[in-house]
Amino acid sequence: LLIMAFAGNLAAVLFAPKKRKQVPHKIDQKSRGKVKYYQR
């Protein structure tokens, strides 16, 4: 049982998915819509 616990945790460490860097999404002009600017 100890060997099974060790093997399971070792597999979890070795085969863990890599963390990816989050890239900010670019927003298309069409999906964002028209922006209105007001002056004071």
PDB file of all heavy atoms in Angstrom:
ATOM      1  N   LEU A   1       0.826  -1.210   0.000  1.00  0.00           N
ATOM      2  CA  LEU A   1       0.000   0.000   0.000  1.00  0.00           C
ATOM      3  C   LEU A   1       0.863   1.264   0.000  1.00  0.00           C
ATOM      4  O   LEU A   1       0.522   2.250  -0.667  1.00  0.00           O
ATOM      5  CB  LEU A   1      -0.948  -0.003   1.194  1.00  0.00           C
ATOM      6  CG  LEU A   1      -2.064  -1.048   1.147  1.00  0.00           C
ATOM      7  CD1 LEU A   1      -2.829  -1.055   2.460  1.00  0.00           C
ATOM      8  CD2 LEU A   1      -2.982  -0.791  -0.017  1.00  0.00           C
ATOM      9  N   LEU A   2       1.965   1.233   0.717  1.00  0.00           N
ATOM     10  CA  LEU A   2       2.877   2.373   0.721  1.00  0.00           C
ATOM     11  C   LEU A   2       3.493   2.585  -0.666  1.00  0.00           C
ATOM     12  O   LEU A   2       3.599   3.727  -1.134  1.00  0.00           O
ATOM     13  CB  LEU A   2       3.988   2.171   1.752  1.00  0.00           C
ATOM     14  CG  LEU A   2       4.973   3.319   1.869  1.00  0.00           C
ATOM     15  CD1 LEU A   2       4.340   4.467   2.639  1.00  0.00           C
ATOM     16  CD2 LEU A   2       6.247   2.874   2.533  1.00  0.00           C
ATOM     17  N   ILE A   3       3.848   1.507  -1.330  1.00  0.00           N
ATOM     18  CA  ILE A   3       4.415   1.622  -2.684  1.00  0.00           C
ATOM     19  C   ILE A   3       3.375   2.165  -3.655  1.00  0.00           C
ATOM     20  O   ILE A   3       3.697   2.984  -4.530  1.00  0.00           O
ATOM     21  CB  ILE A   3       4.977   0.254  -3.139  1.00  0.00           C
ATOM     22  CG1 ILE A   3       6.240  -0.063  -2.338  1.00  0.00           C
ATOM     23  CG2 ILE A   3       5.264   0.247  -4.635  1.00  0.00           C
ATOM     24  CD1 ILE A   3       6.754  -1.465  -2.536  1.00  0.00           C
ATOM     25  N   MET A   4       2.118   1.747  -3.510  1.00  0.00           N
ATOM     26  CA  MET A   4       1.066   2.285  -4.379  1.00  0.00           C
ATOM     27  C   MET A   4       0.844   3.773  -4.141  1.00  0.00           C
ATOM     28  O   MET A   4       0.671   4.536  -5.097  1.00  0.00           O
ATOM     29  CB  MET A   4      -0.241   1.526  -4.162  1.00  0.00           C
ATOM     30  CG  MET A   4      -0.278   0.167  -4.791  1.00  0.00           C
ATOM     31  SD  MET A   4      -1.911  -0.527  -4.676  1.00  0.00           S
ATOM     32  CE  MET A   4      -1.559  -2.003  -3.764  1.00  0.00           C
ATOM     33  N   ALA A   5       0.856   4.193  -2.881  1.00  0.00           N
ATOM     34  CA  ALA A   5       0.697   5.619  -2.570  1.00  0.00           C
ATOM     35  C   ALA A   5       1.865   6.416  -3.121  1.00  0.00           C
ATOM     36  O   ALA A   5       1.699   7.499  -3.694  1.00  0.00           O
ATOM     37  CB  ALA A   5       0.574   5.812  -1.061  1.00  0.00           C
ATOM     38  N   PHE A   6       3.069   5.885  -2.972  1.00  0.00           N
ATOM     39  CA  PHE A   6       4.263   6.555  -3.483  1.00  0.00           C
ATOM     40  C   PHE A   6       4.203   6.666  -5.004  1.00  0.00           C
ATOM     41  O   PHE A   6       4.486   7.731  -5.571  1.00  0.00           O
ATOM     42  CB  PHE A   6       5.514   5.793  -3.046  1.00  0.00           C
ATOM     43  CG  PHE A   6       6.794   6.508  -3.350  1.00  0.00           C
ATOM     44  CD1 PHE A   6       7.285   7.454  -2.476  1.00  0.00           C
ATOM     45  CD2 PHE A   6       7.498   6.237  -4.511  1.00  0.00           C
ATOM     46  CE1 PHE A   6       8.461   8.116  -2.755  1.00  0.00           C
ATOM     47  CE2 PHE A   6       8.665   6.898  -4.797  1.00  0.00           C
ATOM     48  CZ  PHE A   6       9.153   7.845  -3.914  1.00  0.00           C
ATOM     49  N   ALA A   7       3.830   5.582  -5.666  1.00  0.00           N
ATOM     50  CA  ALA A   7       3.771   5.576  -7.130  1.00  0.00           C
ATOM     51  C   ALA A   7       2.703   6.531  -7.650  1.00  0.00           C
ATOM     52  O   ALA A   7       2.912   7.235  -8.646  1.00  0.00           O
ATOM     53  CB  ALA A   7       3.509   4.163  -7.634  1.00  0.00           C
ATOM     54  N   GLY A   8       1.563   6.579  -6.989  1.00  0.00           N
ATOM     55  CA  GLY A   8       0.503   7.484  -7.418  1.00  0.00           C
ATOM     56  C   GLY A   8       0.906   8.943  -7.287  1.00  0.00           C
ATOM     57  O   GLY A   8       0.659   9.759  -8.187  1.00  0.00           O
ATOM     58  N   ASN A   9       1.531   9.294  -6.186  1.00  0.00           N
ATOM     59  CA  ASN A   9       1.969  10.678  -6.005  1.00  0.00           C
ATOM     60  C   ASN A   9       3.124  11.031  -6.944  1.00  0.00           C
ATOM     61  O   ASN A   9       3.193  12.149  -7.451  1.00  0.00           O
ATOM     62  CB  ASN A   9       2.375  10.924  -4.551  1.00  0.00           C
ATOM     63  CG  ASN A   9       1.185  11.003  -3.646  1.00  0.00           C
ATOM     64  OD1 ASN A   9       0.258  11.759  -3.906  1.00  0.00           O
ATOM     65  ND2 ASN A   9       1.179  10.220  -2.594  1.00  0.00           N
ATOM     66  N   LEU A  10       4.013  10.077  -7.180  1.00  0.00           N
ATOM     67  CA  LEU A  10       5.109  10.329  -8.113  1.00  0.00           C
ATOM     68  C   LEU A  10       4.580  10.540  -9.531  1.00  0.00           C
ATOM     69  O   LEU A  10       5.034  11.434 -10.254  1.00  0.00           O
ATOM     70  CB  LEU A  10       6.104   9.175  -8.077  1.00  0.00           C
ATOM     71  CG  LEU A  10       7.365   9.340  -8.901  1.00  0.00           C
ATOM     72  CD1 LEU A  10       8.184  10.525  -8.387  1.00  0.00           C
ATOM     73  CD2 LEU A  10       8.184   8.078  -8.873  1.00  0.00           C
ATOM     74  N   ALA A  11       3.594   9.745  -9.934  1.00  0.00           N
ATOM     75  CA  ALA A  11       2.984   9.919 -11.257  1.00  0.00           C
ATOM     76  C   ALA A  11       2.284  11.273 -11.354  1.00  0.00           C
ATOM     77  O   ALA A  11       2.332  11.934 -12.398  1.00  0.00           O
ATOM     78  CB  ALA A  11       2.000   8.790 -11.542  1.00  0.00           C
ATOM     79  N   ALA A  12       1.645  11.700 -10.279  1.00  0.00           N
ATOM     80  CA  ALA A  12       0.969  13.006 -10.285  1.00  0.00           C
ATOM     81  C   ALA A  12       1.970  14.140 -10.422  1.00  0.00           C
ATOM     82  O   ALA A  12       1.700  15.132 -11.097  1.00  0.00           O
ATOM     83  CB  ALA A  12       0.140  13.177  -9.011  1.00  0.00           C
ATOM     84  N   VAL A  13       3.139  13.995  -9.811  1.00  0.00           N
ATOM     85  CA  VAL A  13       4.167  15.039  -9.925  1.00  0.00           C
ATOM     86  C   VAL A  13       4.771  15.038 -11.327  1.00  0.00           C
ATOM     87  O   VAL A  13       4.948  16.090 -11.945  1.00  0.00           O
ATOM     88  CB  VAL A  13       5.262  14.846  -8.856  1.00  0.00           C
ATOM     89  CG1 VAL A  13       6.453  15.740  -9.126  1.00  0.00           C
ATOM     90  CG2 VAL A  13       4.704  15.135  -7.475  1.00  0.00           C
ATOM     91  N   LEU A  14       5.081  13.857 -11.843  1.00  0.00           N
ATOM     92  CA  LEU A  14       5.771  13.784 -13.130  1.00  0.00           C
ATOM     93  C   LEU A  14       4.875  14.120 -14.318  1.00  0.00           C
ATOM     94  O   LEU A  14       5.335  14.707 -15.291  1.00  0.00           O
ATOM     95  CB  LEU A  14       6.361  12.384 -13.323  1.00  0.00           C
ATOM     96  CG  LEU A  14       7.491  12.006 -12.379  1.00  0.00           C
ATOM     97  CD1 LEU A  14       7.935  10.572 -12.653  1.00  0.00           C
ATOM     98  CD2 LEU A  14       8.659  12.960 -12.509  1.00  0.00           C
ATOM     99  N   PHE A  15       3.609  13.756 -14.240  1.00  0.00           N
ATOM    100  CA  PHE A  15       2.722  13.941 -15.385  1.00  0.00           C
ATOM    101  C   PHE A  15       1.714  15.061 -15.180  1.00  0.00           C
ATOM    102  O   PHE A  15       0.674  15.099 -15.838  1.00  0.00           O
ATOM    103  CB  PHE A  15       1.998  12.638 -15.711  1.00  0.00           C
ATOM    104  CG  PHE A  15       2.935  11.535 -16.086  1.00  0.00           C
ATOM    105  CD1 PHE A  15       3.054  10.406 -15.288  1.00  0.00           C
ATOM    106  CD2 PHE A  15       3.711  11.629 -17.217  1.00  0.00           C
ATOM    107  CE1 PHE A  15       3.928   9.392 -15.623  1.00  0.00           C
ATOM    108  CE2 PHE A  15       4.590  10.619 -17.565  1.00  0.00           C
ATOM    109  CZ  PHE A  15       4.704   9.496 -16.763  1.00  0.00           C
ATOM    110  N   ALA A  16       2.002  15.986 -14.291  1.00  0.00           N
ATOM    111  CA  ALA A  16       1.114  17.131 -14.074  1.00  0.00           C
ATOM    112  C   ALA A  16       1.166  18.036 -15.301  1.00  0.00           C
ATOM    113  O   ALA A  16       2.229  18.239 -15.889  1.00  0.00           O
ATOM    114  CB  ALA A  16       1.540  17.907 -12.835  1.00  0.00           C
ATOM    115  N   PRO A  17       0.026  18.587 -15.708  1.00  0.00           N
ATOM    116  CA  PRO A  17       0.038  19.479 -16.871  1.00  0.00           C
ATOM    117  C   PRO A  17       0.815  20.753 -16.548  1.00  0.00           C
ATOM    118  O   PRO A  17       0.785  21.260 -15.429  1.00  0.00           O
ATOM    119  CB  PRO A  17      -1.433  19.781 -17.114  1.00  0.00           C
ATOM    120  CG  PRO A  17      -2.127  19.440 -15.860  1.00  0.00           C
ATOM    121  CD  PRO A  17      -1.301  18.410 -15.156  1.00  0.00           C
ATOM    122  N   LYS A  18       1.532  21.212 -17.547  1.00  0.00           N
ATOM    123  CA  LYS A  18       2.318  22.435 -17.379  1.00  0.00           C
ATOM    124  C   LYS A  18       1.395  23.637 -17.317  1.00  0.00           C
ATOM    125  O   LYS A  18       0.377  23.694 -17.990  1.00  0.00           O
ATOM    126  CB  LYS A  18       3.279  22.614 -18.561  1.00  0.00           C
ATOM    127  CG  LYS A  18       4.179  21.430 -18.818  1.00  0.00           C
ATOM    128  CD  LYS A  18       5.345  21.459 -17.907  1.00  0.00           C
ATOM    129  CE  LYS A  18       6.246  20.279 -18.270  1.00  0.00           C
ATOM    130  NZ  LYS A  18       7.316  20.076 -17.427  1.00  0.00           N
ATOM    131  N   LYS A  19       1.773  24.599 -16.498  1.00  0.00           N
ATOM    132  CA  LYS A  19       0.996  25.830 -16.429  1.00  0.00           C
ATOM    133  C   LYS A  19       1.351  26.695 -17.622  1.00  0.00           C
ATOM    134  O   LYS A  19       2.516  26.900 -17.931  1.00  0.00           O
ATOM    135  CB  LYS A  19       1.297  26.586 -15.138  1.00  0.00           C
ATOM    136  CG  LYS A  19       0.759  25.925 -13.913  1.00  0.00           C
ATOM    137  CD  LYS A  19       0.987  26.790 -12.705  1.00  0.00           C
ATOM    138  CE  LYS A  19       0.419  26.135 -11.465  1.00  0.00           C
ATOM    139  NZ  LYS A  19       0.651  26.950 -10.274  1.00  0.00           N
ATOM    140  N   ARG A  20       0.343  27.193 -18.285  1.00  0.00           N
ATOM    141  CA  ARG A  20       0.555  28.056 -19.441  1.00  0.00           C
ATOM    142  C   ARG A  20       0.414  29.501 -19.020  1.00  0.00           C
ATOM    143  O   ARG A  20      -0.399  29.834 -18.156  1.00  0.00           O
ATOM    144  CB  ARG A  20      -0.451  27.747 -20.535  1.00  0.00           C
ATOM    145  CG  ARG A  20      -0.295  26.363 -21.098  1.00  0.00           C
ATOM    146  CD  ARG A  20      -1.277  26.159 -22.213  1.00  0.00           C
ATOM    147  NE  ARG A  20      -1.184  24.798 -22.720  1.00  0.00           N
ATOM    148  CZ  ARG A  20      -1.930  24.324 -23.669  1.00  0.00           C
ATOM    149  NH1 ARG A  20      -2.849  25.092 -24.224  1.00  0.00           N
ATOM    150  NH2 ARG A  20      -1.792  23.093 -24.084  1.00  0.00           N
ATOM    151  N   LYS A  21       1.179  30.348 -19.653  1.00  0.00           N
ATOM    152  CA  LYS A  21       1.045  31.777 -19.397  1.00  0.00           C
ATOM    153  C   LYS A  21      -0.231  32.266 -20.063  1.00  0.00           C
ATOM    154  O   LYS A  21      -0.531  31.916 -21.199  1.00  0.00           O
ATOM    155  CB  LYS A  21       2.242  32.540 -19.961  1.00  0.00           C
ATOM    156  CG  LYS A  21       3.527  32.221 -19.245  1.00  0.00           C
ATOM    157  CD  LYS A  21       4.654  33.031 -19.823  1.00  0.00           C
ATOM    158  CE  LYS A  21       5.954  32.707 -19.137  1.00  0.00           C
ATOM    159  NZ  LYS A  21       7.077  33.446 -19.700  1.00  0.00           N
ATOM    160  N   GLN A  22      -0.967  33.074 -19.343  1.00  0.00           N
ATOM    161  CA  GLN A  22      -2.203  33.592 -19.897  1.00  0.00           C
ATOM    162  C   GLN A  22      -1.899  34.813 -20.743  1.00  0.00           C
ATOM    163  O   GLN A  22      -1.280  35.769 -20.288  1.00  0.00           O
ATOM    164  CB  GLN A  22      -3.173  33.957 -18.787  1.00  0.00           C
ATOM    165  CG  GLN A  22      -3.687  32.750 -18.038  1.00  0.00           C
ATOM    166  CD  GLN A  22      -4.709  33.135 -17.002  1.00  0.00           C
ATOM    167  OE1 GLN A  22      -4.934  34.310 -16.757  1.00  0.00           O
ATOM    168  NE2 GLN A  22      -5.320  32.140 -16.377  1.00  0.00           N
ATOM    169  N   VAL A  23      -2.342  34.745 -21.977  1.00  0.00           N
ATOM    170  CA  VAL A  23      -2.149  35.838 -22.915  1.00  0.00           C
ATOM    171  C   VAL A  23      -3.453  36.621 -22.976  1.00  0.00           C
ATOM    172  O   VAL A  23      -4.528  36.025 -23.134  1.00  0.00           O
ATOM    173  CB  VAL A  23      -1.781  35.302 -24.310  1.00  0.00           C
ATOM    174  CG1 VAL A  23      -1.606  36.422 -25.297  1.00  0.00           C
ATOM    175  CG2 VAL A  23      -0.534  34.442 -24.217  1.00  0.00           C
ATOM    176  N   PRO A  24      -3.382  37.937 -22.832  1.00  0.00           N
ATOM    177  CA  PRO A  24      -4.630  38.699 -22.913  1.00  0.00           C
ATOM    178  C   PRO A  24      -5.245  38.565 -24.305  1.00  0.00           C
ATOM    179  O   PRO A  24      -4.559  38.591 -25.317  1.00  0.00           O
ATOM    180  CB  PRO A  24      -4.215  40.137 -22.626  1.00  0.00           C
ATOM    181  CG  PRO A  24      -2.740  40.176 -22.774  1.00  0.00           C
ATOM    182  CD  PRO A  24      -2.236  38.776 -22.599  1.00  0.00           C
ATOM    183  N   HIS A  25      -6.555  38.402 -24.327  1.00  0.00           N
ATOM    184  CA  HIS A  25      -7.262  38.230 -25.588  1.00  0.00           C
ATOM    185  C   HIS A  25      -7.420  39.580 -26.287  1.00  0.00           C
ATOM    186  O   HIS A  25      -7.737  40.583 -25.668  1.00  0.00           O
ATOM    187  CB  HIS A  25      -8.644  37.623 -25.354  1.00  0.00           C
ATOM    188  CG  HIS A  25      -8.588  36.258 -24.752  1.00  0.00           C
ATOM    189  ND1 HIS A  25      -8.189  35.161 -25.457  1.00  0.00           N
ATOM    190  CD2 HIS A  25      -8.856  35.817 -23.505  1.00  0.00           C
ATOM    191  CE1 HIS A  25      -8.225  34.113 -24.693  1.00  0.00           C
ATOM    192  NE2 HIS A  25      -8.626  34.477 -23.484  1.00  0.00           N
ATOM    193  N   LYS A  26      -7.214  39.561 -27.586  1.00  0.00           N
ATOM    194  CA  LYS A  26      -7.437  40.766 -28.374  1.00  0.00           C
ATOM    195  C   LYS A  26      -8.906  40.813 -28.761  1.00  0.00           C
ATOM    196  O   LYS A  26      -9.490  39.829 -29.206  1.00  0.00           O
ATOM    197  CB  LYS A  26      -6.569  40.755 -29.628  1.00  0.00           C
ATOM    198  CG  LYS A  26      -5.096  40.862 -29.316  1.00  0.00           C
ATOM    199  CD  LYS A  26      -4.281  40.902 -30.570  1.00  0.00           C
ATOM    200  CE  LYS A  26      -2.812  41.017 -30.252  1.00  0.00           C
ATOM    201  NZ  LYS A  26      -1.984  41.050 -31.447  1.00  0.00           N
ATOM    202  N   ILE A  27      -9.488  41.962 -28.599  1.00  0.00           N
ATOM    203  CA  ILE A  27     -10.906  42.130 -28.914  1.00  0.00           C
ATOM    204  C   ILE A  27     -11.025  42.727 -30.303  1.00  0.00           C
ATOM    205  O   ILE A  27     -10.396  43.733 -30.631  1.00  0.00           O
ATOM    206  CB  ILE A  27     -11.586  43.050 -27.872  1.00  0.00           C
ATOM    207  CG1 ILE A  27     -11.434  42.450 -26.489  1.00  0.00           C
ATOM    208  CG2 ILE A  27     -13.041  43.262 -28.217  1.00  0.00           C
ATOM    209  CD1 ILE A  27     -11.914  43.354 -25.387  1.00  0.00           C
ATOM    210  N   ASP A  28     -11.812  42.074 -31.131  1.00  0.00           N
ATOM    211  CA  ASP A  28     -12.034  42.580 -32.483  1.00  0.00           C
ATOM    212  C   ASP A  28     -12.881  43.846 -32.425  1.00  0.00           C
ATOM    213  O   ASP A  28     -13.678  44.052 -31.522  1.00  0.00           O
ATOM    214  CB  ASP A  28     -12.763  41.537 -33.335  1.00  0.00           C
ATOM    215  CG  ASP A  28     -11.914  40.294 -33.552  1.00  0.00           C
ATOM    216  OD1 ASP A  28     -10.676  40.410 -33.475  1.00  0.00           O
ATOM    217  OD2 ASP A  28     -12.510  39.225 -33.787  1.00  0.00           O
ATOM    218  N   GLN A  29     -12.692  44.694 -33.411  1.00  0.00           N
ATOM    219  CA  GLN A  29     -13.463  45.933 -33.492  1.00  0.00           C
ATOM    220  C   GLN A  29     -14.944  45.642 -33.699  1.00  0.00           C
ATOM    221  O   GLN A  29     -15.794  46.329 -33.165  1.00  0.00           O
ATOM    222  CB  GLN A  29     -12.940  46.811 -34.641  1.00  0.00           C
ATOM    223  CG  GLN A  29     -11.572  47.404 -34.391  1.00  0.00           C
ATOM    224  CD  GLN A  29     -11.601  48.456 -33.288  1.00  0.00           C
ATOM    225  OE1 GLN A  29     -12.643  49.019 -32.984  1.00  0.00           O
ATOM    226  NE2 GLN A  29     -10.453  48.698 -32.687  1.00  0.00           N
ATOM    227  N   LYS A  30     -15.257  44.610 -34.435  1.00  0.00           N
ATOM    228  CA  LYS A  30     -16.645  44.305 -34.726  1.00  0.00           C
ATOM    229  C   LYS A  30     -17.371  43.805 -33.474  1.00  0.00           C
ATOM    230  O   LYS A  30     -18.515  44.162 -33.220  1.00  0.00           O
ATOM    231  CB  LYS A  30     -16.741  43.246 -35.816  1.00  0.00           C
ATOM    232  CG  LYS A  30     -16.293  43.747 -37.163  1.00  0.00           C
ATOM    233  CD  LYS A  30     -16.392  42.657 -38.197  1.00  0.00           C
ATOM    234  CE  LYS A  30     -15.871  43.135 -39.544  1.00  0.00           C
ATOM    235  NZ  LYS A  30     -15.908  42.069 -40.542  1.00  0.00           N
ATOM    236  N   SER A  31     -16.716  42.964 -32.708  1.00  0.00           N
ATOM    237  CA  SER A  31     -17.389  42.413 -31.543  1.00  0.00           C
ATOM    238  C   SER A  31     -17.467  43.417 -30.399  1.00  0.00           C
ATOM    239  O   SER A  31     -18.332  43.311 -29.541  1.00  0.00           O
ATOM    240  CB  SER A  31     -16.655  41.152 -31.058  1.00  0.00           C
ATOM    241  OG  SER A  31     -15.350  41.497 -30.614  1.00  0.00           O
ATOM    242  N   ARG A  32     -16.570  44.385 -30.377  1.00  0.00           N
ATOM    243  CA  ARG A  32     -16.579  45.368 -29.307  1.00  0.00           C
ATOM    244  C   ARG A  32     -17.682  46.385 -29.511  1.00  0.00           C
ATOM    245  O   ARG A  32     -18.245  46.916 -28.570  1.00  0.00           O
ATOM    246  CB  ARG A  32     -15.218  46.070 -29.245  1.00  0.00           C
ATOM    247  CG  ARG A  32     -15.135  47.045 -28.098  1.00  0.00           C
ATOM    248  CD  ARG A  32     -13.771  47.543 -27.837  1.00  0.00           C
ATOM    249  NE  ARG A  32     -13.134  48.048 -29.038  1.00  0.00           N
ATOM    250  CZ  ARG A  32     -11.994  48.706 -29.045  1.00  0.00           C
ATOM    251  NH1 ARG A  32     -11.385  48.936 -27.926  1.00  0.00           N
ATOM    252  NH2 ARG A  32     -11.469  49.127 -30.162  1.00  0.00           N
ATOM    253  N   GLY A  33     -18.011  46.682 -30.733  1.00  0.00           N
ATOM    254  CA  GLY A  33     -19.051  47.663 -31.013  1.00  0.00           C
ATOM    255  C   GLY A  33     -18.445  49.046 -31.171  1.00  0.00           C
ATOM    256  O   GLY A  33     -17.248  49.256 -31.101  1.00  0.00           O
ATOM    257  N   LYS A  34     -19.326  49.989 -31.370  1.00  0.00           N
ATOM    258  CA  LYS A  34     -18.889  51.353 -31.596  1.00  0.00           C
ATOM    259  C   LYS A  34     -18.726  52.065 -30.251  1.00  0.00           C
ATOM    260  O   LYS A  34     -19.585  51.972 -29.385  1.00  0.00           O
ATOM    261  CB  LYS A  34     -19.923  52.091 -32.449  1.00  0.00           C
ATOM    262  CG  LYS A  34     -19.401  53.293 -33.130  1.00  0.00           C
ATOM    263  CD  LYS A  34     -20.414  53.799 -34.133  1.00  0.00           C
ATOM    264  CE  LYS A  34     -19.747  54.793 -35.046  1.00  0.00           C
ATOM    265  NZ  LYS A  34     -20.676  55.293 -36.043  1.00  0.00           N
ATOM    266  N   VAL A  35     -17.620  52.767 -30.096  1.00  0.00           N
ATOM    267  CA  VAL A  35     -17.337  53.465 -28.848  1.00  0.00           C
ATOM    268  C   VAL A  35     -17.579  54.946 -29.073  1.00  0.00           C
ATOM    269  O   VAL A  35     -17.104  55.537 -30.048  1.00  0.00           O
ATOM    270  CB  VAL A  35     -15.878  53.230 -28.405  1.00  0.00           C
ATOM    271  CG1 VAL A  35     -15.578  53.998 -27.142  1.00  0.00           C
ATOM    272  CG2 VAL A  35     -15.615  51.759 -28.227  1.00  0.00           C
ATOM    273  N   LYS A  36     -18.325  55.539 -28.176  1.00  0.00           N
ATOM    274  CA  LYS A  36     -18.595  56.972 -28.276  1.00  0.00           C
ATOM    275  C   LYS A  36     -17.783  57.689 -27.214  1.00  0.00           C
ATOM    276  O   LYS A  36     -17.751  57.292 -26.063  1.00  0.00           O
ATOM    277  CB  LYS A  36     -20.074  57.256 -28.062  1.00  0.00           C
ATOM    278  CG  LYS A  36     -20.950  56.639 -29.126  1.00  0.00           C
ATOM    279  CD  LYS A  36     -22.402  56.960 -28.854  1.00  0.00           C
ATOM    280  CE  LYS A  36     -23.262  56.307 -29.924  1.00  0.00           C
ATOM    281  NZ  LYS A  36     -24.672  56.567 -29.705  1.00  0.00           N
ATOM    282  N   TYR A  37     -17.144  58.763 -27.646  1.00  0.00           N
ATOM    283  CA  TYR A  37     -16.353  59.570 -26.727  1.00  0.00           C
ATOM    284  C   TYR A  37     -17.034  60.914 -26.558  1.00  0.00           C
ATOM    285  O   TYR A  37     -17.456  61.544 -27.531  1.00  0.00           O
ATOM    286  CB  TYR A  37     -14.931  59.774 -27.269  1.00  0.00           C
ATOM    287  CG  TYR A  37     -14.135  58.491 -27.367  1.00  0.00           C
ATOM    288  CD1 TYR A  37     -13.986  57.842 -28.580  1.00  0.00           C
ATOM    289  CD2 TYR A  37     -13.557  57.935 -26.224  1.00  0.00           C
ATOM    290  CE1 TYR A  37     -13.280  56.655 -28.666  1.00  0.00           C
ATOM    291  CE2 TYR A  37     -12.832  56.771 -26.306  1.00  0.00           C
ATOM    292  CZ  TYR A  37     -12.694  56.127 -27.524  1.00  0.00           C
ATOM    293  OH  TYR A  37     -11.975  54.969 -27.608  1.00  0.00           O
ATOM    294  N   TYR A  38     -17.138  61.363 -25.335  1.00  0.00           N
ATOM    295  CA  TYR A  38     -17.759  62.650 -25.029  1.00  0.00           C
ATOM    296  C   TYR A  38     -16.717  63.569 -24.415  1.00  0.00           C
ATOM    297  O   TYR A  38     -15.890  63.133 -23.630  1.00  0.00           O
ATOM    298  CB  TYR A  38     -18.926  62.476 -24.061  1.00  0.00           C
ATOM    299  CG  TYR A  38     -20.034  61.618 -24.625  1.00  0.00           C
ATOM    300  CD1 TYR A  38     -20.148  60.282 -24.285  1.00  0.00           C
ATOM    301  CD2 TYR A  38     -20.947  62.161 -25.510  1.00  0.00           C
ATOM    302  CE1 TYR A  38     -21.159  59.517 -24.807  1.00  0.00           C
ATOM    303  CE2 TYR A  38     -21.960  61.406 -26.033  1.00  0.00           C
ATOM    304  CZ  TYR A  38     -22.060  60.065 -25.696  1.00  0.00           C
ATOM    305  OH  TYR A  38     -23.062  59.304 -26.197  1.00  0.00           O
ATOM    306  N   GLN A  39     -16.799  64.824 -24.795  1.00  0.00           N
ATOM    307  CA  GLN A  39     -15.858  65.806 -24.237  1.00  0.00           C
ATOM    308  C   GLN A  39     -16.585  66.625 -23.195  1.00  0.00           C
ATOM    309  O   GLN A  39     -17.751  66.966 -23.332  1.00  0.00           O
ATOM    310  CB  GLN A  39     -15.353  66.750 -25.330  1.00  0.00           C
ATOM    311  CG  GLN A  39     -14.387  66.074 -26.274  1.00  0.00           C
ATOM    312  CD  GLN A  39     -13.853  67.062 -27.276  1.00  0.00           C
ATOM    313  OE1 GLN A  39     -14.425  68.136 -27.472  1.00  0.00           O
ATOM    314  NE2 GLN A  39     -12.751  66.735 -27.916  1.00  0.00           N
ATOM    315  N   ARG A  40     -15.849  66.983 -22.174  1.00  0.00           N
ATOM    316  CA  ARG A  40     -16.377  67.903 -21.173  1.00  0.00           C
ATOM    317  C   ARG A  40     -16.107  69.321 -21.646  1.00  0.00           C
ATOM    318  O   ARG A  40     -15.076  69.609 -22.203  1.00  0.00           O
ATOM    319  CB  ARG A  40     -15.715  67.702 -19.836  1.00  0.00           C
ATOM    320  CG  ARG A  40     -16.105  66.404 -19.170  1.00  0.00           C
ATOM    321  CD  ARG A  40     -15.417  66.373 -17.854  1.00  0.00           C
ATOM    322  NE  ARG A  40     -16.344  65.849 -16.855  1.00  0.00           N
ATOM    323  CZ  ARG A  40     -16.064  65.687 -15.617  1.00  0.00           C
ATOM    324  NH1 ARG A  40     -14.880  66.018 -15.172  1.00  0.00           N
ATOM    325  NH2 ARG A  40     -16.933  65.189 -14.790  1.00  0.00           N
TER     326      ARG A  40
END
